[in-house]
Amino acid sequence: MRRTLYVKLLAAYLIFAVFGYIVVATFMQQMTMNQVEKEKAEALYRCAASFAENEALAIYKNELSLTNLKDSIDRTSKMLDSAIFIVNPSGLIVASSESPLDVDKPYSITNFDVTALSGSFYNVGNFYGEFDTPYLTVACPVTSGYLVHGYVIVSCDMKNVEAAANHLVNIDYIFLLILFLLSLIILIFFTELVYLPLRRIIKATEQYASGNLHYDISVDSDDEIGYLAASLAYMAQELAKGEDNQKQIVANVSHDFRSPLTSIKGYLEAMQDGTIPEEMYPKYIGIVINESDRLIKLTNNLLTLNNLNTRGMVLDITDFDINNVIRQTVSTFEGICRSKTIAIELTLTGDLLYVHADLGKIQQVIYNLLDNAIKFSHRSSVIKIETTEKHQKVFVSVKDEGIGIPKESVPHVFDRFYKSDLSRGKDKKGTGLGLSITKEIIRAHSENINVISTEGVGTEFIFSLPLSDDANIPEEDED
């Protein structure tokens, strides 16, 4: 099946050659023969007409002797390689290139009838039995004073006409052969530019189907074949990346589930076998509850991301005051901020700043960013939250003075389960999914989120939201 395309091309190539030969051998040969025959007849007729107007007419006017006429006929016959006759209307041969001049033994053509040439100025045949083989014959009348005194007959052997026609047909065959050989260039180009690259692409698809997603397609071309190969290579690269990410996700999920499960199992077994005294139960039960909460949070985040990937995110778009949402979210972290002596500084544009977005999901974004900032901030530091309006957009910034993110880790902070080396010691309860969910929410709003971070200095997250139209702001909120 893989060679079907190439076999079809070869079959088409051979069919082209066969039909080309048939056309030349039949139609072209016959057409060439007819054309050569016609051109030869026209040339002979012009010679016959010239001879009739001069030498033949002179003999009937007694201005030329038969001897001189015979000499002129012989010279012209030799030049044309044709037989020439001067014939009376009754068929009597006055002079001929085919026999010596003999006035004592006149010779007449049997059944001579010039009307046999009616409808054409030439005829192919044996000329009333004068020749043993077919001859091309033309007849031109010798006229004077509207009277026909005789005819000049010029006959050429058809072998000469056929030889000239065959010579031209041979040229056609040579041209066909050259065309056939030149068409091999198309076959070569097809092989090099289409067939072989397609074979490489087929080989690559077989490798991809067998699981070897790192197979390299060696097709270097700027045309559609090259684009197809590049697209397949890109697809394989993305699939390989997805497979690697899937393996990484499974490994991370396994690790994040195993740690709390191991702790829960260990504490419960210790309580069961008496290793932990009964008076210490409340402490370790609290630890088990915390680990269970971590498992629930991880499970919920996984379900959230899975729903985003399978069904997409359904947004409940409304107009709301982003400043008020920020204030409410900040208030939920009052306790932990007081325990870590962390201050949250708000720099909000205006008393009211309406955006057009999903209130619940944006509140989750602010919660995730603020929770992240508090988690990695030093004690007695400041977290700044700022809103600005620019170009019909509202930009929200959450900036901390924490440990920062290493430069090489910045491009991966939104990857699922990703934790930088600096954060692993502090992020005991993190799942590595919060920022991934945050980015998906912002992307669902067709907006952007960026991160700026310097290791040891702090991190700033900035995301954008569409500004509400004034007409959409509820009247009761404008007071």
Protein backbone atom coordinates (compact mmCIF):
# COMPACT_ATOMS: atom_id res chain seq x y z
CA MET A 1 0.00 0.00 0.00
CA ARG A 2 2.88 2.40 0.68
CA ARG A 3 4.07 2.21 -2.92
CA THR A 4 0.64 2.81 -4.43
CA LEU A 5 1.21 6.49 -5.13
CA TYR A 6 4.56 5.86 -6.80
CA VAL A 7 3.16 2.94 -8.82
CA LYS A 8 0.31 5.15 -10.01
CA LEU A 9 2.75 7.80 -11.14
CA LEU A 10 4.84 5.22 -13.03
CA ALA A 11 1.70 3.81 -14.62
CA ALA A 12 0.65 7.30 -15.72
CA TYR A 13 4.15 7.85 -17.08
CA LEU A 14 4.03 4.63 -19.13
CA ILE A 15 0.50 5.37 -20.34
CA PHE A 16 1.74 8.77 -21.50
CA ALA A 17 4.54 7.08 -23.45
CA VAL A 18 2.24 4.47 -25.03
CA PHE A 19 -0.42 6.98 -26.06
CA GLY A 20 2.25 9.32 -27.37
CA TYR A 21 3.60 6.53 -29.57
CA ILE A 22 0.08 5.62 -30.77
CA VAL A 23 -0.68 9.24 -31.67
CA VAL A 24 2.55 9.61 -33.63
CA ALA A 25 2.23 6.19 -35.30
CA THR A 26 -1.36 6.72 -36.46
CA PHE A 27 -2.68 10.25 -36.51
CA MET A 28 0.61 12.09 -36.95
CA GLN A 29 1.89 9.70 -39.61
CA GLN A 30 -1.29 9.96 -41.68
CA MET A 31 -1.52 13.73 -41.23
CA THR A 32 2.14 14.14 -42.20
CA MET A 33 1.64 11.94 -45.26
CA ASN A 34 -1.36 13.96 -46.41
CA GLN A 35 0.44 17.24 -45.85
CA VAL A 36 3.61 16.15 -47.69
CA GLU A 37 1.52 14.75 -50.54
CA LYS A 38 -0.40 18.01 -50.88
CA GLU A 39 2.71 20.17 -50.72
CA LYS A 40 4.44 17.95 -53.32
CA ALA A 41 1.41 18.17 -55.63
CA GLU A 42 1.36 21.95 -55.30
CA ALA A 43 5.06 22.15 -56.13
CA LEU A 44 4.62 19.87 -59.17
CA TYR A 45 1.62 21.84 -60.37
CA ARG A 46 3.56 25.10 -60.21
CA CYS A 47 6.29 23.54 -62.35
CA ALA A 48 3.69 22.11 -64.76
CA ALA A 49 1.96 25.50 -65.06
CA SER A 50 5.26 27.22 -65.77
CA PHE A 51 6.15 24.60 -68.38
CA ALA A 52 2.68 24.90 -69.97
CA GLU A 53 2.93 28.68 -70.28
CA ASN A 54 6.34 28.55 -71.90
CA GLU A 55 7.73 25.43 -73.65
CA ALA A 56 4.42 23.58 -74.18
CA LEU A 57 2.59 26.62 -75.55
CA ALA A 58 5.54 27.42 -77.80
CA ILE A 59 5.37 23.97 -79.42
CA TYR A 60 1.69 24.42 -80.26
CA LYS A 61 2.45 27.84 -81.72
CA ASN A 62 5.27 26.26 -83.76
CA GLU A 63 7.76 28.52 -82.00
CA LEU A 64 9.75 25.57 -80.62
CA SER A 65 10.92 22.37 -82.27
CA LEU A 66 10.12 18.95 -80.83
CA THR A 67 13.83 18.29 -80.34
CA ASN A 68 14.25 21.37 -78.21
CA LEU A 69 11.03 20.50 -76.36
CA LYS A 70 12.38 17.02 -75.67
CA ASP A 71 15.61 18.45 -74.31
CA SER A 72 13.71 20.86 -72.07
CA ILE A 73 11.45 18.03 -70.82
CA ASP A 74 14.43 15.83 -69.98
CA ARG A 75 16.20 18.60 -68.07
CA THR A 76 13.08 19.49 -66.08
CA SER A 77 12.30 15.82 -65.41
CA LYS A 78 15.78 15.23 -64.06
CA MET A 79 15.55 18.34 -61.88
CA LEU A 80 12.15 17.35 -60.44
CA ASP A 81 12.92 13.62 -60.34
CA SER A 82 9.55 13.18 -62.02
CA ALA A 83 8.09 11.99 -65.32
CA ILE A 84 6.78 14.70 -67.69
CA PHE A 85 4.33 14.24 -70.54
CA ILE A 86 2.94 16.62 -73.15
CA VAL A 87 -0.43 15.12 -74.13
CA ASN A 88 -3.07 16.17 -76.63
CA PRO A 89 -6.70 16.26 -75.47
CA SER A 90 -7.21 12.96 -77.27
CA GLY A 91 -4.42 11.28 -75.25
CA LEU A 92 -1.70 11.39 -77.92
CA ILE A 93 1.71 11.87 -76.33
CA VAL A 94 3.52 14.71 -78.07
CA ALA A 95 6.70 14.36 -76.02
CA SER A 96 7.72 12.42 -72.91
CA SER A 97 10.65 12.14 -70.55
CA GLU A 98 10.04 8.41 -70.30
CA SER A 99 10.58 7.54 -74.01
CA PRO A 100 12.73 8.82 -76.91
CA LEU A 101 11.25 11.22 -79.42
CA ASP A 102 9.86 9.25 -82.41
CA VAL A 103 7.37 11.04 -84.66
CA ASP A 104 7.01 7.99 -86.90
CA LYS A 105 5.56 5.88 -84.06
CA PRO A 106 3.07 8.02 -82.17
CA TYR A 107 1.84 6.69 -78.81
CA SER A 108 -1.52 7.40 -77.21
CA ILE A 109 -2.59 6.93 -73.59
CA THR A 110 -5.45 4.47 -73.48
CA ASN A 111 -8.71 5.83 -72.08
CA PHE A 112 -7.15 9.20 -71.33
CA ASP A 113 -9.73 11.38 -69.64
CA VAL A 114 -8.60 14.55 -67.94
CA THR A 115 -11.98 14.89 -66.22
CA ALA A 116 -10.84 12.08 -63.91
CA LEU A 117 -8.98 14.79 -62.05
CA SER A 118 -12.18 16.78 -61.42
CA GLY A 119 -12.49 17.95 -57.83
CA SER A 120 -8.71 17.92 -57.33
CA PHE A 121 -5.67 19.13 -59.16
CA TYR A 122 -3.76 15.88 -58.51
CA ASN A 123 -4.28 12.15 -58.49
CA VAL A 124 -2.49 9.15 -57.00
CA GLY A 125 -2.40 6.00 -59.10
CA ASN A 126 -0.68 4.31 -62.04
CA PHE A 127 -1.81 7.02 -64.54
CA TYR A 128 -3.83 4.86 -66.91
CA GLY A 129 -1.40 1.97 -66.63
CA GLU A 130 1.70 3.99 -67.56
CA PHE A 131 3.39 3.08 -64.25
CA ASP A 132 3.74 -0.14 -62.33
CA THR A 133 3.66 1.56 -58.92
CA PRO A 134 1.56 4.42 -57.53
CA TYR A 135 2.55 7.87 -58.77
CA LEU A 136 1.43 11.36 -57.75
CA THR A 137 0.19 13.02 -60.96
CA VAL A 138 -0.80 16.62 -61.73
CA ALA A 139 -2.20 17.89 -65.03
CA CYS A 140 -2.07 21.50 -66.20
CA PRO A 141 -3.85 22.54 -69.41
CA VAL A 142 -2.00 24.29 -72.24
CA THR A 143 -4.36 27.06 -73.30
CA SER A 144 -4.32 29.78 -75.88
CA GLY A 145 -7.25 31.98 -76.91
CA TYR A 146 -9.60 30.11 -74.54
CA LEU A 147 -8.73 26.86 -76.31
CA VAL A 148 -7.13 23.85 -74.64
CA HIS A 149 -4.39 22.56 -76.96
CA GLY A 150 -3.11 19.89 -74.62
CA TYR A 151 -1.91 19.07 -71.12
CA VAL A 152 1.35 19.03 -69.24
CA ILE A 153 1.40 15.93 -67.07
CA VAL A 154 3.96 15.69 -64.22
CA SER A 155 4.15 12.45 -62.24
CA CYS A 156 6.28 11.73 -59.18
CA ASP A 157 6.89 8.29 -57.70
CA MET A 158 4.98 7.97 -54.41
CA LYS A 159 8.04 6.27 -52.90
CA ASN A 160 9.73 9.66 -52.89
CA VAL A 161 6.70 11.26 -51.23
CA GLU A 162 6.52 8.50 -48.64
CA ALA A 163 10.25 8.82 -47.96
CA ALA A 164 9.85 12.57 -47.28
CA ALA A 165 6.83 11.90 -45.06
CA ASN A 166 8.66 9.14 -43.16
CA HIS A 167 11.58 11.48 -42.61
CA LEU A 168 9.27 13.97 -40.93
CA VAL A 169 7.58 11.21 -38.93
CA ASN A 170 10.99 10.05 -37.73
CA ILE A 171 11.59 13.57 -36.51
CA ASP A 172 8.29 13.29 -34.61
CA TYR A 173 9.47 10.03 -33.05
CA ILE A 174 12.76 11.63 -32.04
CA PHE A 175 10.89 14.58 -30.55
CA LEU A 176 8.60 12.18 -28.68
CA LEU A 177 11.60 10.31 -27.32
CA ILE A 178 13.25 13.55 -26.19
CA LEU A 179 9.98 14.65 -24.56
CA PHE A 180 9.72 11.27 -22.86
CA LEU A 181 13.27 11.57 -21.53
CA LEU A 182 12.72 15.14 -20.41
CA SER A 183 9.58 14.08 -18.58
CA LEU A 184 11.85 11.89 -16.45
CA ILE A 185 12.86 15.14 -14.78
CA ILE A 186 9.31 15.41 -13.42
CA LEU A 187 9.57 11.86 -12.11
CA ILE A 188 12.91 12.62 -10.48
CA PHE A 189 11.60 15.82 -8.92
CA PHE A 190 8.50 14.00 -7.67
CA THR A 191 10.66 11.29 -6.15
CA GLU A 192 13.01 13.71 -4.42
CA LEU A 193 10.54 16.43 -3.41
CA VAL A 194 7.34 14.47 -2.73
CA TYR A 195 7.69 10.69 -2.57
CA LEU A 196 10.80 10.36 -0.38
CA PRO A 197 9.66 13.08 2.08
CA LEU A 198 6.28 11.36 2.30
CA ARG A 199 8.04 8.09 3.06
CA ARG A 200 9.93 9.82 5.88
CA ILE A 201 6.69 11.31 7.20
CA ILE A 202 4.99 7.89 7.08
CA LYS A 203 7.96 6.40 8.92
CA ALA A 204 7.69 9.15 11.54
CA THR A 205 3.96 8.58 12.03
CA GLU A 206 4.63 4.88 12.54
CA GLN A 207 7.21 5.75 15.17
CA TYR A 208 4.81 8.15 16.88
CA ALA A 209 2.05 5.53 16.81
CA SER A 210 4.40 3.03 18.46
CA GLY A 211 5.14 5.52 21.24
CA ASN A 212 8.46 6.92 20.09
CA LEU A 213 7.45 10.59 20.28
CA HIS A 214 11.07 11.76 20.15
CA TYR A 215 11.65 10.47 16.61
CA ASP A 216 13.06 13.20 14.35
CA ILE A 217 11.53 13.85 10.90
CA SER A 218 14.39 14.71 8.55
CA VAL A 219 12.43 16.76 5.98
CA ASP A 220 14.02 20.08 5.05
CA SER A 221 11.61 21.89 2.76
CA ASP A 222 9.73 25.19 2.63
CA ASP A 223 6.68 23.86 0.76
CA GLU A 224 3.52 22.10 1.94
CA ILE A 225 5.43 18.84 2.51
CA GLY A 226 7.86 20.63 4.79
CA TYR A 227 4.99 22.34 6.59
CA LEU A 228 3.28 18.96 7.10
CA ALA A 229 6.50 17.47 8.48
CA ALA A 230 7.04 20.45 10.77
CA SER A 231 3.43 20.22 12.00
CA LEU A 232 3.82 16.51 12.74
CA ALA A 233 7.11 17.16 14.53
CA TYR A 234 5.49 19.93 16.57
CA MET A 235 2.53 17.66 17.37
CA ALA A 236 4.88 14.91 18.52
CA GLN A 237 6.85 17.42 20.57
CA GLU A 238 3.69 18.64 22.28
CA LEU A 239 2.50 15.09 22.87
CA ALA A 240 5.87 14.17 24.32
CA LYS A 241 5.76 17.27 26.50
CA GLY A 242 2.23 16.37 27.57
CA GLU A 243 3.33 12.83 28.34
CA ASP A 244 6.27 14.10 30.38
CA ASN A 245 3.98 16.53 32.19
CA GLN A 246 1.53 13.73 32.86
CA LYS A 247 4.29 11.59 34.34
CA GLN A 248 5.46 14.55 36.40
CA ILE A 249 1.91 15.24 37.58
CA VAL A 250 1.42 11.60 38.58
CA ALA A 251 4.73 11.65 40.43
CA ASN A 252 3.88 14.92 42.20
CA VAL A 253 0.34 13.81 43.05
CA SER A 254 1.69 10.52 44.39
CA HIS A 255 4.24 12.37 46.49
CA ASP A 256 1.76 14.94 47.81
CA PHE A 257 -0.76 12.24 48.68
CA ARG A 258 1.78 9.85 50.13
CA SER A 259 3.27 12.30 52.64
CA PRO A 260 0.05 13.19 54.49
CA LEU A 261 -1.27 9.63 54.21
CA THR A 262 1.96 8.31 55.72
CA SER A 263 1.70 10.83 58.55
CA ILE A 264 -1.96 10.00 59.21
CA LYS A 265 -1.27 6.27 59.15
CA GLY A 266 1.79 6.62 61.40
CA TYR A 267 0.03 8.74 64.03
CA LEU A 268 -3.06 6.53 64.07
CA GLU A 269 -0.93 3.36 64.44
CA ALA A 270 1.04 5.02 67.24
CA MET A 271 -2.20 5.92 68.99
CA GLN A 272 -3.52 2.40 68.45
CA ASP A 273 -0.49 0.56 69.84
CA GLY A 274 -0.08 2.97 72.76
CA THR A 275 3.13 4.64 71.59
CA ILE A 276 1.34 7.99 71.92
CA PRO A 277 -0.17 8.39 75.36
CA GLU A 278 -3.84 9.12 75.64
CA GLU A 279 -3.32 12.61 77.02
CA MET A 280 -1.47 13.52 73.77
CA TYR A 281 -4.37 12.43 71.55
CA PRO A 282 -5.80 15.94 71.00
CA LYS A 283 -2.47 17.20 69.66
CA TYR A 284 -1.99 14.41 67.18
CA ILE A 285 -5.65 14.29 66.21
CA GLY A 286 -5.22 17.95 65.25
CA ILE A 287 -2.23 16.98 63.10
CA VAL A 288 -4.28 14.25 61.43
CA ILE A 289 -7.08 16.74 60.77
CA ASN A 290 -4.61 19.21 59.24
CA GLU A 291 -3.19 16.52 56.99
CA SER A 292 -6.72 15.50 56.02
CA ASP A 293 -7.53 19.13 55.17
CA ARG A 294 -4.43 19.20 52.98
CA LEU A 295 -5.62 16.08 51.15
CA ILE A 296 -9.09 17.61 50.67
CA LYS A 297 -7.57 20.84 49.35
CA LEU A 298 -5.34 18.93 46.94
CA THR A 299 -8.28 16.83 45.74
CA ASN A 300 -10.50 19.88 45.23
CA ASN A 301 -7.77 21.67 43.28
CA LEU A 302 -7.25 18.64 41.07
CA LEU A 303 -10.98 18.44 40.37
CA THR A 304 -11.05 22.15 39.59
CA LEU A 305 -8.21 21.87 37.07
CA ASN A 306 -9.74 18.75 35.55
CA ASN A 307 -13.06 20.54 35.06
CA LEU A 308 -11.26 23.47 33.45
CA ASN A 309 -9.58 21.15 30.95
CA THR A 310 -12.58 18.97 30.12
CA ARG A 311 -15.56 21.33 30.15
CA GLY A 312 -13.88 24.70 30.05
CA MET A 313 -14.61 27.43 32.57
CA VAL A 314 -18.14 28.78 32.83
CA LEU A 315 -18.05 32.42 33.89
CA ASP A 316 -20.81 34.40 35.58
CA ILE A 317 -19.90 37.84 34.27
CA THR A 318 -21.18 40.82 36.25
CA ASP A 319 -20.10 44.37 37.12
CA PHE A 320 -18.64 44.67 40.62
CA ASP A 321 -16.33 46.87 42.65
CA ILE A 322 -12.88 45.27 42.59
CA ASN A 323 -11.71 47.51 45.46
CA ASN A 324 -14.44 46.16 47.72
CA VAL A 325 -13.58 42.54 46.76
CA ILE A 326 -9.94 43.20 47.67
CA ARG A 327 -10.92 44.68 51.05
CA GLN A 328 -13.16 41.71 51.86
CA THR A 329 -10.48 39.17 50.85
CA VAL A 330 -7.82 40.95 52.89
CA SER A 331 -10.04 40.81 55.97
CA THR A 332 -10.05 37.00 55.86
CA PHE A 333 -6.28 36.97 56.41
CA GLU A 334 -6.39 39.26 59.44
CA GLY A 335 -5.58 36.52 61.92
CA ILE A 336 -2.59 35.02 60.14
CA CYS A 337 -1.21 38.48 59.32
CA ARG A 338 -1.42 39.46 62.99
CA SER A 339 0.37 36.25 64.02
CA LYS A 340 3.20 36.90 61.54
CA THR A 341 3.10 40.69 62.13
CA ILE A 342 2.63 41.22 58.41
CA ALA A 343 1.03 44.47 57.25
CA ILE A 344 -1.11 44.73 54.13
CA GLU A 345 -0.99 48.11 52.44
CA LEU A 346 -3.81 48.99 50.03
CA THR A 347 -3.35 51.58 47.26
CA LEU A 348 -6.69 51.53 45.49
CA THR A 349 -7.80 53.83 42.67
CA GLY A 350 -10.91 55.71 43.74
CA ASP A 351 -13.54 54.67 46.23
CA LEU A 352 -15.29 52.55 43.60
CA LEU A 353 -13.63 50.78 40.67
CA TYR A 354 -15.95 48.58 38.66
CA VAL A 355 -14.77 45.71 36.50
CA HIS A 356 -16.64 43.37 34.15
CA ALA A 357 -15.77 39.83 35.30
CA ASP A 358 -16.78 36.80 37.38
CA LEU A 359 -16.84 38.01 40.99
CA GLY A 360 -16.39 34.61 42.64
CA LYS A 361 -13.51 33.54 40.43
CA ILE A 362 -11.67 36.88 40.71
CA GLN A 363 -12.08 36.66 44.48
CA GLN A 364 -10.42 33.23 44.29
CA VAL A 365 -7.57 34.75 42.25
CA ILE A 366 -6.98 37.50 44.84
CA TYR A 367 -7.20 34.93 47.65
CA ASN A 368 -4.61 32.64 45.98
CA LEU A 369 -2.18 35.49 45.29
CA LEU A 370 -2.53 36.96 48.78
CA ASP A 371 -2.22 33.54 50.42
CA ASN A 372 0.91 32.92 48.35
CA ALA A 373 2.36 36.31 49.31
CA ILE A 374 1.75 35.77 53.04
CA LYS A 375 3.16 32.26 52.89
CA PHE A 376 6.53 33.39 51.50
CA SER A 377 6.82 36.77 53.26
CA HIS A 378 9.19 37.41 56.15
CA ARG A 379 7.86 38.38 59.54
CA SER A 380 7.22 42.08 60.07
CA SER A 381 7.16 42.71 56.31
CA VAL A 382 4.66 44.56 54.13
CA ILE A 383 2.44 43.26 51.35
CA LYS A 384 1.20 45.91 48.92
CA ILE A 385 -2.00 45.56 46.88
CA GLU A 386 -2.62 48.19 44.26
CA THR A 387 -5.26 48.85 41.60
CA THR A 388 -4.70 51.15 38.61
CA GLU A 389 -6.82 52.08 35.63
CA LYS A 390 -5.30 52.38 32.16
CA HIS A 391 -6.60 51.96 28.59
CA GLN A 392 -10.02 50.66 29.68
CA LYS A 393 -8.29 48.04 31.81
CA VAL A 394 -7.91 47.62 35.56
CA PHE A 395 -4.54 46.27 36.70
CA VAL A 396 -4.32 44.56 40.09
CA SER A 397 -0.89 44.16 41.70
CA VAL A 398 -0.01 41.96 44.68
CA LYS A 399 3.56 42.61 45.83
CA ASP A 400 5.41 41.04 48.76
CA GLU A 401 8.85 41.43 50.36
CA GLY A 402 9.46 37.72 50.71
CA ILE A 403 12.07 35.19 49.60
CA GLY A 404 11.50 35.81 45.88
CA ILE A 405 11.69 33.33 43.04
CA PRO A 406 14.95 32.21 41.37
CA LYS A 407 15.33 33.53 37.83
CA GLU A 408 15.30 30.05 36.30
CA SER A 409 12.04 29.20 38.11
CA VAL A 410 10.04 32.28 37.07
CA PRO A 411 8.85 30.80 33.71
CA HIS A 412 7.47 27.73 35.57
CA VAL A 413 5.59 29.29 38.49
CA PHE A 414 2.23 28.73 36.75
CA ASP A 415 2.99 25.07 35.96
CA ARG A 416 1.02 22.49 37.85
CA PHE A 417 2.67 21.12 41.02
CA TYR A 418 5.73 23.27 40.42
CA LYS A 419 7.57 24.40 43.53
CA SER A 420 10.89 26.22 43.42
CA ASP A 421 13.69 24.98 45.61
CA LEU A 422 13.42 28.08 47.83
CA SER A 423 9.72 27.50 48.50
CA ARG A 424 9.84 23.83 49.39
CA GLY A 425 10.96 24.42 52.96
CA LYS A 426 8.25 27.03 53.64
CA ASP A 427 5.35 25.61 51.58
CA LYS A 428 4.47 22.72 53.82
CA LYS A 429 0.76 22.70 53.00
CA GLY A 430 0.93 23.94 49.40
CA THR A 431 -0.26 21.77 46.54
CA GLY A 432 1.48 23.59 43.68
CA LEU A 433 -1.88 24.10 41.97
CA GLY A 434 -3.00 27.50 43.23
CA LEU A 435 -1.14 29.57 40.67
CA SER A 436 -2.15 27.18 37.87
CA ILE A 437 -5.81 27.71 38.77
CA THR A 438 -5.22 31.47 39.00
CA LYS A 439 -3.76 31.63 35.52
CA GLU A 440 -6.61 29.53 34.07
CA ILE A 441 -9.18 31.89 35.60
CA ILE A 442 -7.48 35.00 34.19
CA ARG A 443 -7.05 33.33 30.80
CA ALA A 444 -10.76 32.44 30.76
CA HIS A 445 -11.43 36.19 31.02
CA SER A 446 -9.16 36.70 27.96
CA GLU A 447 -6.80 38.70 30.16
CA ASN A 448 -3.17 38.30 31.25
CA ILE A 449 -1.25 37.67 34.45
CA ASN A 450 2.49 38.30 34.83
CA VAL A 451 5.05 37.79 37.55
CA ILE A 452 8.10 39.91 38.44
CA SER A 453 10.44 38.51 41.05
CA THR A 454 13.93 39.02 42.42
CA GLU A 455 15.44 36.38 44.63
CA GLY A 456 15.78 37.64 48.20
CA VAL A 457 13.84 40.84 47.46
CA GLY A 458 10.26 39.84 46.75
CA THR A 459 7.66 38.95 44.15
CA GLU A 460 4.92 40.90 42.36
CA PHE A 461 1.96 39.40 40.50
CA ILE A 462 0.00 41.69 38.15
CA PHE A 463 -3.20 40.73 36.35
CA SER A 464 -5.64 42.71 34.22
CA LEU A 465 -9.44 42.90 34.04
CA PRO A 466 -11.78 44.75 31.68
CA LEU A 467 -13.11 48.02 33.04
CA SER A 468 -16.90 48.27 33.28
CA ASP A 469 -18.88 50.70 31.15
CA ASP A 470 -20.53 53.45 33.18
CA ALA A 471 -23.91 52.35 31.87
CA ASN A 472 -23.48 48.96 33.49
CA ILE A 473 -22.78 50.22 37.03
CA PRO A 474 -25.79 49.87 39.35
CA GLU A 475 -27.21 53.23 40.36
CA GLU A 476 -27.27 52.40 44.06
CA ASP A 477 -23.49 51.85 44.05
CA GLU A 478 -22.75 55.24 42.52
CA ASP A 479 -23.76 57.14 45.66
